[in-house]
Amino acid sequence: RKLQIRQMMKSLRTNGHNTIIDFYSQAQLKMPQYNYLNENNLLKGLELLKDCDMSQASKSKTLNIFSIYGNEDIIVPEAVSQKLMVGNGKRTMVKINGGHGIIQTHTETIKELIRGI
């Protein structure tokens, strides 16, 4: 995951616009109608994520975690969610057919799942 993030950061610095278009395509996301997700904002977010692994911290805590993920998500694979399922507390994973953009493609399903928590 770190390698993937570093590669994307390098690509953003050299060819930002096309990297963002590729990211949206791979993630099965619709391009936004606004310009918030630009090279600088994406680089800031990736910088925060590249060394972030909450799985170790979550093991030692009693947490209620509800994870919804797309079974075709190549940006955040299922293994990342599975790591968060280890530990005390109620921990639930729900798989939806789709990619990283399930919030856009399965909005109503996700709303219903969240209402049921």
N, C-alpha and C. Protein backbone atom coordinates (compact mmCIF):
# COMPACT_ATOMS: atom_id res chain seq x y z
N ARG A 1 0.83 -1.20 0.00
CA ARG A 1 0.00 0.00 0.00
C ARG A 1 0.87 1.25 0.00
N LYS A 2 1.93 1.23 0.81
CA LYS A 2 2.84 2.39 0.85
C LYS A 2 3.45 2.64 -0.52
N LEU A 3 3.85 1.56 -1.19
CA LEU A 3 4.45 1.69 -2.51
C LEU A 3 3.45 2.30 -3.49
N GLN A 4 2.22 1.83 -3.44
CA GLN A 4 1.18 2.37 -4.33
C GLN A 4 0.99 3.86 -4.08
N ILE A 5 0.96 4.27 -2.82
CA ILE A 5 0.78 5.68 -2.48
C ILE A 5 1.97 6.50 -2.96
N ARG A 6 3.18 6.00 -2.74
CA ARG A 6 4.38 6.72 -3.19
C ARG A 6 4.41 6.88 -4.71
N GLN A 7 4.02 5.82 -5.42
CA GLN A 7 3.98 5.88 -6.88
C GLN A 7 2.96 6.92 -7.36
N MET A 8 1.81 6.97 -6.69
CA MET A 8 0.80 7.94 -7.09
C MET A 8 1.28 9.36 -6.80
N MET A 9 1.96 9.56 -5.68
CA MET A 9 2.49 10.88 -5.36
C MET A 9 3.50 11.33 -6.41
N LYS A 10 4.37 10.43 -6.82
CA LYS A 10 5.36 10.75 -7.85
C LYS A 10 4.67 11.10 -9.16
N SER A 11 3.68 10.32 -9.51
CA SER A 11 2.93 10.56 -10.75
C SER A 11 2.18 11.88 -10.70
N LEU A 12 1.62 12.23 -9.55
CA LEU A 12 0.92 13.51 -9.39
C LEU A 12 1.86 14.68 -9.62
N ARG A 13 3.08 14.54 -9.12
CA ARG A 13 4.04 15.63 -9.26
C ARG A 13 4.49 15.83 -10.71
N THR A 14 4.49 14.75 -11.49
CA THR A 14 4.96 14.85 -12.87
C THR A 14 3.83 15.01 -13.89
N ASN A 15 2.66 14.46 -13.61
CA ASN A 15 1.57 14.50 -14.57
C ASN A 15 0.23 14.51 -13.82
N GLY A 16 0.02 15.55 -13.03
CA GLY A 16 -1.10 15.62 -12.10
C GLY A 16 -2.47 15.37 -12.69
N HIS A 17 -2.84 16.11 -13.72
CA HIS A 17 -4.19 16.02 -14.26
C HIS A 17 -4.52 14.60 -14.75
N ASN A 18 -3.61 14.01 -15.51
CA ASN A 18 -3.85 12.65 -16.01
C ASN A 18 -3.87 11.62 -14.90
N THR A 19 -3.08 11.83 -13.86
CA THR A 19 -3.06 10.91 -12.72
C THR A 19 -4.42 10.94 -12.02
N ILE A 20 -5.00 12.11 -11.86
CA ILE A 20 -6.31 12.21 -11.23
C ILE A 20 -7.37 11.52 -12.09
N ILE A 21 -7.33 11.71 -13.38
CA ILE A 21 -8.28 11.05 -14.28
C ILE A 21 -8.12 9.53 -14.19
N ASP A 22 -6.88 9.05 -14.18
CA ASP A 22 -6.62 7.61 -14.04
C ASP A 22 -7.13 7.08 -12.71
N PHE A 23 -6.90 7.85 -11.64
CA PHE A 23 -7.36 7.44 -10.31
C PHE A 23 -8.88 7.25 -10.31
N TYR A 24 -9.60 8.23 -10.84
CA TYR A 24 -11.05 8.13 -10.89
C TYR A 24 -11.50 6.93 -11.71
N SER A 25 -10.83 6.68 -12.80
CA SER A 25 -11.19 5.54 -13.65
C SER A 25 -10.95 4.23 -12.92
N GLN A 26 -9.77 4.06 -12.33
CA GLN A 26 -9.44 2.83 -11.61
C GLN A 26 -10.34 2.61 -10.40
N ALA A 27 -10.68 3.70 -9.73
CA ALA A 27 -11.50 3.61 -8.52
C ALA A 27 -12.99 3.49 -8.83
N GLN A 28 -13.34 3.55 -10.10
CA GLN A 28 -14.74 3.49 -10.54
C GLN A 28 -15.54 4.64 -9.92
N LEU A 29 -14.95 5.82 -9.89
CA LEU A 29 -15.58 7.02 -9.37
C LEU A 29 -16.01 7.92 -10.51
N LYS A 30 -17.05 8.70 -10.27
CA LYS A 30 -17.45 9.72 -11.23
C LYS A 30 -16.59 10.96 -10.97
N MET A 31 -16.19 11.64 -12.04
CA MET A 31 -15.43 12.87 -11.87
C MET A 31 -16.32 13.90 -11.20
N PRO A 32 -15.78 14.63 -10.21
CA PRO A 32 -16.59 15.64 -9.51
C PRO A 32 -16.86 16.85 -10.41
N GLN A 33 -17.90 17.57 -10.06
CA GLN A 33 -18.25 18.78 -10.79
C GLN A 33 -17.49 19.99 -10.26
N TYR A 34 -16.68 19.79 -9.27
CA TYR A 34 -15.92 20.88 -8.66
C TYR A 34 -14.44 20.55 -8.74
N ASN A 35 -13.61 21.50 -8.41
CA ASN A 35 -12.17 21.31 -8.54
C ASN A 35 -11.46 21.09 -7.20
N TYR A 36 -12.18 20.60 -6.20
CA TYR A 36 -11.54 20.41 -4.90
C TYR A 36 -10.44 19.35 -4.97
N LEU A 37 -10.71 18.26 -5.70
CA LEU A 37 -9.69 17.22 -5.80
C LEU A 37 -8.70 17.60 -6.89
N ASN A 38 -7.75 18.40 -6.50
CA ASN A 38 -6.70 18.80 -7.44
C ASN A 38 -5.38 18.17 -6.97
N GLU A 39 -4.32 18.42 -7.69
CA GLU A 39 -3.04 17.80 -7.38
C GLU A 39 -2.58 18.11 -5.96
N ASN A 40 -2.69 19.37 -5.54
CA ASN A 40 -2.21 19.76 -4.20
C ASN A 40 -3.01 19.10 -3.09
N ASN A 41 -4.33 19.09 -3.21
CA ASN A 41 -5.15 18.48 -2.17
C ASN A 41 -4.95 16.97 -2.10
N LEU A 42 -4.83 16.34 -3.26
CA LEU A 42 -4.61 14.90 -3.27
C LEU A 42 -3.23 14.56 -2.70
N LEU A 43 -2.22 15.35 -3.01
CA LEU A 43 -0.89 15.13 -2.44
C LEU A 43 -0.92 15.26 -0.91
N LYS A 44 -1.63 16.26 -0.40
CA LYS A 44 -1.74 16.43 1.05
C LYS A 44 -2.39 15.21 1.70
N GLY A 45 -3.46 14.72 1.09
CA GLY A 45 -4.15 13.55 1.63
C GLY A 45 -3.28 12.30 1.58
N LEU A 46 -2.59 12.10 0.48
CA LEU A 46 -1.71 10.93 0.35
C LEU A 46 -0.55 11.00 1.32
N GLU A 47 -0.03 12.20 1.56
CA GLU A 47 1.05 12.37 2.53
C GLU A 47 0.60 11.93 3.91
N LEU A 48 -0.63 12.25 4.28
CA LEU A 48 -1.18 11.82 5.57
C LEU A 48 -1.38 10.31 5.63
N LEU A 49 -1.80 9.71 4.52
CA LEU A 49 -2.13 8.29 4.50
C LEU A 49 -0.92 7.37 4.38
N LYS A 50 0.16 7.84 3.80
CA LYS A 50 1.24 6.91 3.44
C LYS A 50 1.85 6.18 4.64
N ASP A 51 1.86 6.79 5.80
CA ASP A 51 2.42 6.14 6.98
C ASP A 51 1.35 5.80 8.02
N CYS A 52 0.11 5.84 7.60
CA CYS A 52 -1.00 5.63 8.53
C CYS A 52 -1.46 4.17 8.49
N ASP A 53 -1.42 3.51 9.62
CA ASP A 53 -1.94 2.15 9.76
C ASP A 53 -2.63 2.06 11.11
N MET A 54 -3.93 2.13 11.09
CA MET A 54 -4.70 2.14 12.33
C MET A 54 -4.93 0.74 12.89
N SER A 55 -4.55 -0.31 12.16
CA SER A 55 -4.86 -1.67 12.59
C SER A 55 -4.20 -2.03 13.92
N GLN A 56 -2.95 -1.62 14.13
CA GLN A 56 -2.28 -1.94 15.39
C GLN A 56 -2.93 -1.22 16.56
N ALA A 57 -3.24 0.04 16.38
CA ALA A 57 -3.87 0.80 17.46
C ALA A 57 -5.26 0.26 17.76
N SER A 58 -5.98 -0.17 16.73
CA SER A 58 -7.35 -0.64 16.95
C SER A 58 -7.40 -2.00 17.65
N LYS A 59 -6.33 -2.79 17.54
CA LYS A 59 -6.28 -4.10 18.22
C LYS A 59 -6.34 -3.95 19.73
N SER A 60 -5.70 -2.92 20.23
CA SER A 60 -5.58 -2.76 21.68
C SER A 60 -6.73 -1.99 22.30
N LYS A 61 -7.69 -1.58 21.50
CA LYS A 61 -8.83 -0.80 21.99
C LYS A 61 -10.12 -1.60 21.84
N THR A 62 -11.09 -1.28 22.67
CA THR A 62 -12.43 -1.81 22.49
C THR A 62 -13.17 -0.82 21.61
N LEU A 63 -13.42 -1.22 20.37
CA LEU A 63 -14.01 -0.33 19.39
C LEU A 63 -15.18 -1.00 18.67
N ASN A 64 -16.15 -0.22 18.32
CA ASN A 64 -17.20 -0.67 17.43
C ASN A 64 -16.88 -0.12 16.05
N ILE A 65 -16.59 -1.03 15.12
CA ILE A 65 -16.20 -0.63 13.77
C ILE A 65 -17.17 -1.25 12.78
N PHE A 66 -17.69 -0.43 11.90
CA PHE A 66 -18.59 -0.89 10.83
C PHE A 66 -17.95 -0.48 9.52
N SER A 67 -17.45 -1.44 8.77
CA SER A 67 -16.72 -1.17 7.53
C SER A 67 -17.54 -1.64 6.33
N ILE A 68 -17.75 -0.73 5.39
CA ILE A 68 -18.43 -1.05 4.14
C ILE A 68 -17.38 -0.91 3.05
N TYR A 69 -17.19 -1.95 2.25
CA TYR A 69 -16.17 -1.86 1.22
C TYR A 69 -16.66 -2.49 -0.08
N GLY A 70 -16.06 -2.06 -1.16
CA GLY A 70 -16.37 -2.61 -2.48
C GLY A 70 -15.47 -3.79 -2.79
N ASN A 71 -16.05 -4.88 -3.23
CA ASN A 71 -15.25 -6.08 -3.49
C ASN A 71 -14.30 -5.92 -4.68
N GLU A 72 -14.45 -4.86 -5.46
CA GLU A 72 -13.55 -4.60 -6.60
C GLU A 72 -12.66 -3.38 -6.33
N ASP A 73 -12.58 -2.96 -5.08
CA ASP A 73 -11.81 -1.76 -4.73
C ASP A 73 -10.32 -2.05 -4.82
N ILE A 74 -9.65 -1.39 -5.76
CA ILE A 74 -8.20 -1.58 -5.89
C ILE A 74 -7.44 -0.48 -5.14
N ILE A 75 -8.16 0.52 -4.64
CA ILE A 75 -7.52 1.62 -3.90
C ILE A 75 -7.35 1.22 -2.44
N VAL A 76 -8.40 0.73 -1.81
CA VAL A 76 -8.33 0.24 -0.43
C VAL A 76 -8.84 -1.20 -0.45
N PRO A 77 -7.93 -2.17 -0.54
CA PRO A 77 -8.33 -3.57 -0.65
C PRO A 77 -8.99 -4.11 0.62
N GLU A 78 -9.69 -5.21 0.48
CA GLU A 78 -10.39 -5.85 1.58
C GLU A 78 -9.46 -6.13 2.76
N ALA A 79 -8.22 -6.45 2.49
CA ALA A 79 -7.26 -6.77 3.55
C ALA A 79 -7.10 -5.62 4.54
N VAL A 80 -7.24 -4.38 4.10
CA VAL A 80 -7.13 -3.23 4.99
C VAL A 80 -8.27 -3.26 6.00
N SER A 81 -9.49 -3.51 5.52
CA SER A 81 -10.64 -3.59 6.44
C SER A 81 -10.51 -4.79 7.36
N GLN A 82 -10.04 -5.92 6.84
CA GLN A 82 -9.90 -7.11 7.67
C GLN A 82 -8.97 -6.88 8.86
N LYS A 83 -7.92 -6.10 8.66
CA LYS A 83 -7.00 -5.80 9.76
C LYS A 83 -7.72 -5.07 10.89
N LEU A 84 -8.71 -4.25 10.55
CA LEU A 84 -9.44 -3.49 11.57
C LEU A 84 -10.45 -4.35 12.32
N MET A 85 -10.69 -5.56 11.85
CA MET A 85 -11.68 -6.43 12.48
C MET A 85 -11.12 -7.23 13.64
N VAL A 86 -9.83 -7.09 13.91
CA VAL A 86 -9.17 -7.82 15.00
C VAL A 86 -9.17 -6.96 16.24
N GLY A 87 -9.79 -7.45 17.31
CA GLY A 87 -9.81 -6.72 18.56
C GLY A 87 -11.16 -6.83 19.24
N ASN A 88 -11.27 -6.17 20.38
CA ASN A 88 -12.51 -6.21 21.16
C ASN A 88 -13.51 -5.19 20.65
N GLY A 89 -14.76 -5.46 20.91
CA GLY A 89 -15.84 -4.59 20.47
C GLY A 89 -16.57 -5.24 19.30
N LYS A 90 -17.64 -4.61 18.89
CA LYS A 90 -18.41 -5.12 17.75
C LYS A 90 -17.75 -4.62 16.46
N ARG A 91 -17.31 -5.54 15.64
CA ARG A 91 -16.61 -5.20 14.40
C ARG A 91 -17.28 -5.94 13.25
N THR A 92 -17.78 -5.17 12.31
CA THR A 92 -18.57 -5.73 11.22
C THR A 92 -18.05 -5.23 9.88
N MET A 93 -17.94 -6.16 8.93
CA MET A 93 -17.57 -5.81 7.56
C MET A 93 -18.74 -6.18 6.64
N VAL A 94 -19.07 -5.27 5.75
CA VAL A 94 -20.11 -5.52 4.75
C VAL A 94 -19.50 -5.31 3.37
N LYS A 95 -19.64 -6.31 2.54
CA LYS A 95 -19.09 -6.25 1.18
C LYS A 95 -20.21 -5.89 0.21
N ILE A 96 -19.91 -4.94 -0.68
CA ILE A 96 -20.84 -4.51 -1.72
C ILE A 96 -20.14 -4.71 -3.06
N ASN A 97 -20.87 -5.16 -4.07
CA ASN A 97 -20.29 -5.30 -5.40
C ASN A 97 -19.97 -3.92 -5.95
N GLY A 98 -18.70 -3.67 -6.21
CA GLY A 98 -18.30 -2.38 -6.75
C GLY A 98 -16.88 -2.03 -6.36
N GLY A 99 -16.45 -0.88 -6.82
CA GLY A 99 -15.10 -0.42 -6.55
C GLY A 99 -15.05 0.61 -5.45
N HIS A 100 -14.02 1.44 -5.47
CA HIS A 100 -13.79 2.46 -4.46
C HIS A 100 -14.92 3.49 -4.44
N GLY A 101 -15.63 3.60 -5.53
CA GLY A 101 -16.70 4.60 -5.66
C GLY A 101 -18.07 4.12 -5.23
N ILE A 102 -18.14 3.13 -4.35
CA ILE A 102 -19.46 2.60 -3.97
C ILE A 102 -20.35 3.66 -3.32
N ILE A 103 -19.76 4.67 -2.73
CA ILE A 103 -20.57 5.74 -2.14
C ILE A 103 -21.37 6.47 -3.23
N GLN A 104 -20.84 6.48 -4.45
CA GLN A 104 -21.55 7.11 -5.57
C GLN A 104 -22.47 6.12 -6.27
N THR A 105 -22.06 4.87 -6.36
CA THR A 105 -22.84 3.90 -7.14
C THR A 105 -23.87 3.15 -6.32
N HIS A 106 -23.72 3.12 -5.00
CA HIS A 106 -24.64 2.37 -4.13
C HIS A 106 -25.10 3.22 -2.95
N THR A 107 -25.41 4.47 -3.22
CA THR A 107 -25.75 5.42 -2.16
C THR A 107 -26.89 4.94 -1.28
N GLU A 108 -27.96 4.49 -1.88
CA GLU A 108 -29.14 4.07 -1.10
C GLU A 108 -28.84 2.84 -0.25
N THR A 109 -28.10 1.89 -0.81
CA THR A 109 -27.73 0.69 -0.05
C THR A 109 -26.90 1.08 1.17
N ILE A 110 -25.95 1.98 0.98
CA ILE A 110 -25.10 2.40 2.08
C ILE A 110 -25.91 3.16 3.14
N LYS A 111 -26.84 4.00 2.71
CA LYS A 111 -27.70 4.70 3.66
C LYS A 111 -28.47 3.71 4.52
N GLU A 112 -29.03 2.68 3.90
CA GLU A 112 -29.78 1.66 4.64
C GLU A 112 -28.90 0.90 5.62
N LEU A 113 -27.69 0.56 5.20
CA LEU A 113 -26.77 -0.12 6.10
C LEU A 113 -26.43 0.74 7.31
N ILE A 114 -26.19 2.00 7.07
CA ILE A 114 -25.85 2.91 8.18
C ILE A 114 -27.03 3.11 9.11
N ARG A 115 -28.22 3.21 8.55
CA ARG A 115 -29.42 3.33 9.40
C ARG A 115 -29.58 2.12 10.32
N GLY A 116 -29.12 0.97 9.85
CA GLY A 116 -29.27 -0.26 10.64
C GLY A 116 -28.26 -0.46 11.74
N ILE A 117 -27.33 0.45 11.85
CA ILE A 117 -26.29 0.31 12.89
C ILE A 117 -26.90 0.61 14.26
